[in-house]
Amino acid sequence: MHYVFLIHHEPEGSADDDLERRHEAFLARQREEGRFVAFVQLDQPRETLFLRKPGKGAKAALTQGPQAEAKVRLTGVLVLQCSGPEEARALALDLPAAQDGAPVEVRPVFDLAAAVRGQGFGPYPLNVP
């Protein structure tokens, strides 16, 4: 089963070389152990495009930049193959960012292709080659 790990940091946090090294080592270990699926590091919030359409038939509003001052911001998205929620929880606690106190949100990934095939919605493995 695939899980997504949404990694957050404080906006005023600066780049930390030690954290980056530990994170690269964590990702290398996940690759070696066959759990790694994908990782993306997000750009600064000032590059954000925010779309809001208040209702059906309403005109969409597009704004740039963060929508609110936040205590933490989403900085990375990691997808790992896990045996279940217990392993996902353990891996989240092992993330260097989490060890440094950063919030990490963990969610199972739904396979929409399985839902379209009539197998319902649920935490299905992704169809990743």
C-alpha atoms as a PDB file:
ATOM      1  CA  MET A   1       0.000   0.000   0.000  1.00  0.00           C
ATOM      2  CA  HIS A   2       1.272   3.464  -0.824  1.00  0.00           C
ATOM      3  CA  TYR A   3       1.291   6.285   1.704  1.00  0.00           C
ATOM      4  CA  VAL A   4       1.906   9.975   1.109  1.00  0.00           C
ATOM      5  CA  PHE A   5       3.932  11.915   3.667  1.00  0.00           C
ATOM      6  CA  LEU A   6       3.206  15.663   3.614  1.00  0.00           C
ATOM      7  CA  ILE A   7       6.216  17.361   5.181  1.00  0.00           C
ATOM      8  CA  HIS A   8       5.823  20.838   6.704  1.00  0.00           C
ATOM      9  CA  HIS A   9       8.319  23.386   8.042  1.00  0.00           C
ATOM     10  CA  GLU A  10       8.147  26.767   9.727  1.00  0.00           C
ATOM     11  CA  PRO A  11       8.196  29.584   7.139  1.00  0.00           C
ATOM     12  CA  GLU A  12      11.118  31.388   8.748  1.00  0.00           C
ATOM     13  CA  GLY A  13      13.201  28.218   8.822  1.00  0.00           C
ATOM     14  CA  SER A  14      16.395  28.491   6.815  1.00  0.00           C
ATOM     15  CA  ALA A  15      18.112  25.818   4.769  1.00  0.00           C
ATOM     16  CA  ASP A  16      19.863  23.358   7.047  1.00  0.00           C
ATOM     17  CA  ASP A  17      22.714  21.403   5.431  1.00  0.00           C
ATOM     18  CA  ASP A  18      22.643  18.752   8.162  1.00  0.00           C
ATOM     19  CA  LEU A  19      18.889  18.216   7.704  1.00  0.00           C
ATOM     20  CA  GLU A  20      19.351  17.933   3.936  1.00  0.00           C
ATOM     21  CA  ARG A  21      22.123  15.324   4.372  1.00  0.00           C
ATOM     22  CA  ARG A  22      20.022  13.302   6.809  1.00  0.00           C
ATOM     23  CA  HIS A  23      17.014  13.535   4.481  1.00  0.00           C
ATOM     24  CA  GLU A  24      19.079  12.317   1.494  1.00  0.00           C
ATOM     25  CA  ALA A  25      20.331   9.397   3.611  1.00  0.00           C
ATOM     26  CA  PHE A  26      16.734   8.569   4.611  1.00  0.00           C
ATOM     27  CA  LEU A  27      15.637   8.605   0.940  1.00  0.00           C
ATOM     28  CA  ALA A  28      18.623   6.456  -0.083  1.00  0.00           C
ATOM     29  CA  ARG A  29      17.684   3.911   2.599  1.00  0.00           C
ATOM     30  CA  GLN A  30      14.070   3.834   1.346  1.00  0.00           C
ATOM     31  CA  ARG A  31      15.326   3.217  -2.220  1.00  0.00           C
ATOM     32  CA  GLU A  32      17.640   0.414  -1.047  1.00  0.00           C
ATOM     33  CA  GLU A  33      14.818  -1.244   0.898  1.00  0.00           C
ATOM     34  CA  GLY A  34      12.371  -0.978  -2.032  1.00  0.00           C
ATOM     35  CA  ARG A  35       9.897   1.420  -0.412  1.00  0.00           C
ATOM     36  CA  PHE A  36      10.661   4.597  -2.374  1.00  0.00           C
ATOM     37  CA  VAL A  37       8.046   5.677  -4.942  1.00  0.00           C
ATOM     38  CA  ALA A  38       8.465   9.461  -5.332  1.00  0.00           C
ATOM     39  CA  PHE A  39       9.607  12.655  -3.630  1.00  0.00           C
ATOM     40  CA  VAL A  40       9.135  16.281  -4.618  1.00  0.00           C
ATOM     41  CA  GLN A  41      10.396  19.353  -2.805  1.00  0.00           C
ATOM     42  CA  LEU A  42       8.061  22.315  -3.189  1.00  0.00           C
ATOM     43  CA  ASP A  43       9.158  25.819  -4.141  1.00  0.00           C
ATOM     44  CA  GLN A  44       8.612  28.876  -1.953  1.00  0.00           C
ATOM     45  CA  PRO A  45       4.967  29.855  -1.221  1.00  0.00           C
ATOM     46  CA  ARG A  46       5.407  33.124  -3.121  1.00  0.00           C
ATOM     47  CA  GLU A  47       5.339  30.986  -6.307  1.00  0.00           C
ATOM     48  CA  THR A  48       1.964  29.483  -5.362  1.00  0.00           C
ATOM     49  CA  LEU A  49      -1.003  29.884  -7.689  1.00  0.00           C
ATOM     50  CA  PHE A  50      -4.285  29.619  -5.811  1.00  0.00           C
ATOM     51  CA  LEU A  51      -7.515  28.950  -7.698  1.00  0.00           C
ATOM     52  CA  ARG A  52     -10.918  29.312  -6.115  1.00  0.00           C
ATOM     53  CA  LYS A  53     -14.251  28.880  -7.858  1.00  0.00           C
ATOM     54  CA  PRO A  54     -17.020  29.716  -5.377  1.00  0.00           C
ATOM     55  CA  GLY A  55     -19.703  27.622  -7.068  1.00  0.00           C
ATOM     56  CA  LYS A  56     -20.985  25.954 -10.192  1.00  0.00           C
ATOM     57  CA  GLY A  57     -21.108  28.463 -13.022  1.00  0.00           C
ATOM     58  CA  ALA A  58     -19.201  31.062 -11.008  1.00  0.00           C
ATOM     59  CA  LYS A  59     -16.108  32.732 -12.377  1.00  0.00           C
ATOM     60  CA  ALA A  60     -12.836  31.363 -11.013  1.00  0.00           C
ATOM     61  CA  ALA A  61     -10.484  33.666  -9.131  1.00  0.00           C
ATOM     62  CA  LEU A  62      -6.751  33.078  -9.489  1.00  0.00           C
ATOM     63  CA  THR A  63      -4.303  34.695  -7.082  1.00  0.00           C
ATOM     64  CA  GLN A  64      -0.583  34.293  -6.577  1.00  0.00           C
ATOM     65  CA  GLY A  65       1.260  33.757  -3.327  1.00  0.00           C
ATOM     66  CA  PRO A  66       0.281  32.208  -0.005  1.00  0.00           C
ATOM     67  CA  GLN A  67      -3.337  32.712   1.000  1.00  0.00           C
ATOM     68  CA  ALA A  68      -2.675  33.219   4.689  1.00  0.00           C
ATOM     69  CA  GLU A  69       0.168  33.575   7.094  1.00  0.00           C
ATOM     70  CA  ALA A  70       0.754  30.076   8.330  1.00  0.00           C
ATOM     71  CA  LYS A  71       2.716  28.723  11.267  1.00  0.00           C
ATOM     72  CA  VAL A  72       3.964  25.929   8.999  1.00  0.00           C
ATOM     73  CA  ARG A  73       4.048  25.460   5.242  1.00  0.00           C
ATOM     74  CA  LEU A  74       4.040  22.379   3.047  1.00  0.00           C
ATOM     75  CA  THR A  75       7.588  21.880   1.772  1.00  0.00           C
ATOM     76  CA  GLY A  76       7.742  18.304   0.503  1.00  0.00           C
ATOM     77  CA  VAL A  77       5.666  15.353  -0.629  1.00  0.00           C
ATOM     78  CA  LEU A  78       7.021  11.823  -0.249  1.00  0.00           C
ATOM     79  CA  VAL A  79       5.323   8.604  -1.401  1.00  0.00           C
ATOM     80  CA  LEU A  80       6.473   5.286   0.069  1.00  0.00           C
ATOM     81  CA  GLN A  81       5.329   1.680  -0.276  1.00  0.00           C
ATOM     82  CA  CYS A  82       4.415   0.508   3.235  1.00  0.00           C
ATOM     83  CA  SER A  83       3.043  -2.760   4.578  1.00  0.00           C
ATOM     84  CA  GLY A  84       0.335  -0.868   6.478  1.00  0.00           C
ATOM     85  CA  PRO A  85      -0.397   2.061   8.775  1.00  0.00           C
ATOM     86  CA  GLU A  86       1.995   0.871  11.491  1.00  0.00           C
ATOM     87  CA  GLU A  87       4.977   0.878   9.131  1.00  0.00           C
ATOM     88  CA  ALA A  88       3.896   4.243   7.678  1.00  0.00           C
ATOM     89  CA  ARG A  89       3.719   5.683  11.199  1.00  0.00           C
ATOM     90  CA  ALA A  90       7.172   4.316  12.068  1.00  0.00           C
ATOM     91  CA  LEU A  91       8.678   5.727   8.867  1.00  0.00           C
ATOM     92  CA  ALA A  92       7.082   9.125   9.526  1.00  0.00           C
ATOM     93  CA  LEU A  93       8.705   9.201  12.956  1.00  0.00           C
ATOM     94  CA  ASP A  94      12.038   8.281  11.324  1.00  0.00           C
ATOM     95  CA  LEU A  95      11.906  11.204   8.870  1.00  0.00           C
ATOM     96  CA  PRO A  96      14.664  13.699   9.745  1.00  0.00           C
ATOM     97  CA  ALA A  97      12.211  16.609   9.523  1.00  0.00           C
ATOM     98  CA  ALA A  98       9.896  14.900  12.035  1.00  0.00           C
ATOM     99  CA  GLN A  99      12.842  14.174  14.326  1.00  0.00           C
ATOM    100  CA  ASP A 100      13.562  17.916  14.285  1.00  0.00           C
ATOM    101  CA  GLY A 101       9.964  18.702  15.283  1.00  0.00           C
ATOM    102  CA  ALA A 102       8.412  19.409  11.871  1.00  0.00           C
ATOM    103  CA  PRO A 103       4.822  18.234  11.396  1.00  0.00           C
ATOM    104  CA  VAL A 104       4.368  15.326   8.978  1.00  0.00           C
ATOM    105  CA  GLU A 105       0.908  14.317   7.760  1.00  0.00           C
ATOM    106  CA  VAL A 106       0.571  10.684   6.625  1.00  0.00           C
ATOM    107  CA  ARG A 107      -2.262   9.447   4.402  1.00  0.00           C
ATOM    108  CA  PRO A 108      -2.964   6.263   2.464  1.00  0.00           C
ATOM    109  CA  VAL A 109      -3.134   6.806  -1.297  1.00  0.00           C
ATOM    110  CA  PHE A 110      -6.303   5.781  -3.124  1.00  0.00           C
ATOM    111  CA  ASP A 111      -6.058   4.083  -6.504  1.00  0.00           C
ATOM    112  CA  LEU A 112      -8.629   5.893  -8.637  1.00  0.00           C
ATOM    113  CA  ALA A 113      -8.147   3.368 -11.446  1.00  0.00           C
ATOM    114  CA  ALA A 114      -9.431   0.647  -9.097  1.00  0.00           C
ATOM    115  CA  ALA A 115     -12.445   2.799  -8.248  1.00  0.00           C
ATOM    116  CA  VAL A 116     -13.206   3.276 -11.945  1.00  0.00           C
ATOM    117  CA  ARG A 117     -13.000  -0.506 -12.418  1.00  0.00           C
ATOM    118  CA  GLY A 118     -15.771  -0.794  -9.829  1.00  0.00           C
ATOM    119  CA  GLN A 119     -13.600  -1.952  -6.965  1.00  0.00           C
ATOM    120  CA  GLY A 120     -14.716   0.958  -4.781  1.00  0.00           C
ATOM    121  CA  PHE A 121     -12.678   3.591  -3.013  1.00  0.00           C
ATOM    122  CA  GLY A 122     -10.101   2.415  -0.569  1.00  0.00           C
ATOM    123  CA  PRO A 123      -6.394   2.412   0.116  1.00  0.00           C
ATOM    124  CA  TYR A 124      -5.266   0.488  -2.939  1.00  0.00           C
ATOM    125  CA  PRO A 125      -1.695   0.314  -4.197  1.00  0.00           C
ATOM    126  CA  LEU A 126      -0.869   2.743  -6.975  1.00  0.00           C
ATOM    127  CA  ASN A 127      -0.364   1.324 -10.444  1.00  0.00           C
ATOM    128  CA  VAL A 128       3.227   2.518 -10.631  1.00  0.00           C
ATOM    129  CA  PRO A 129       5.550   0.634 -13.003  1.00  0.00           C
END
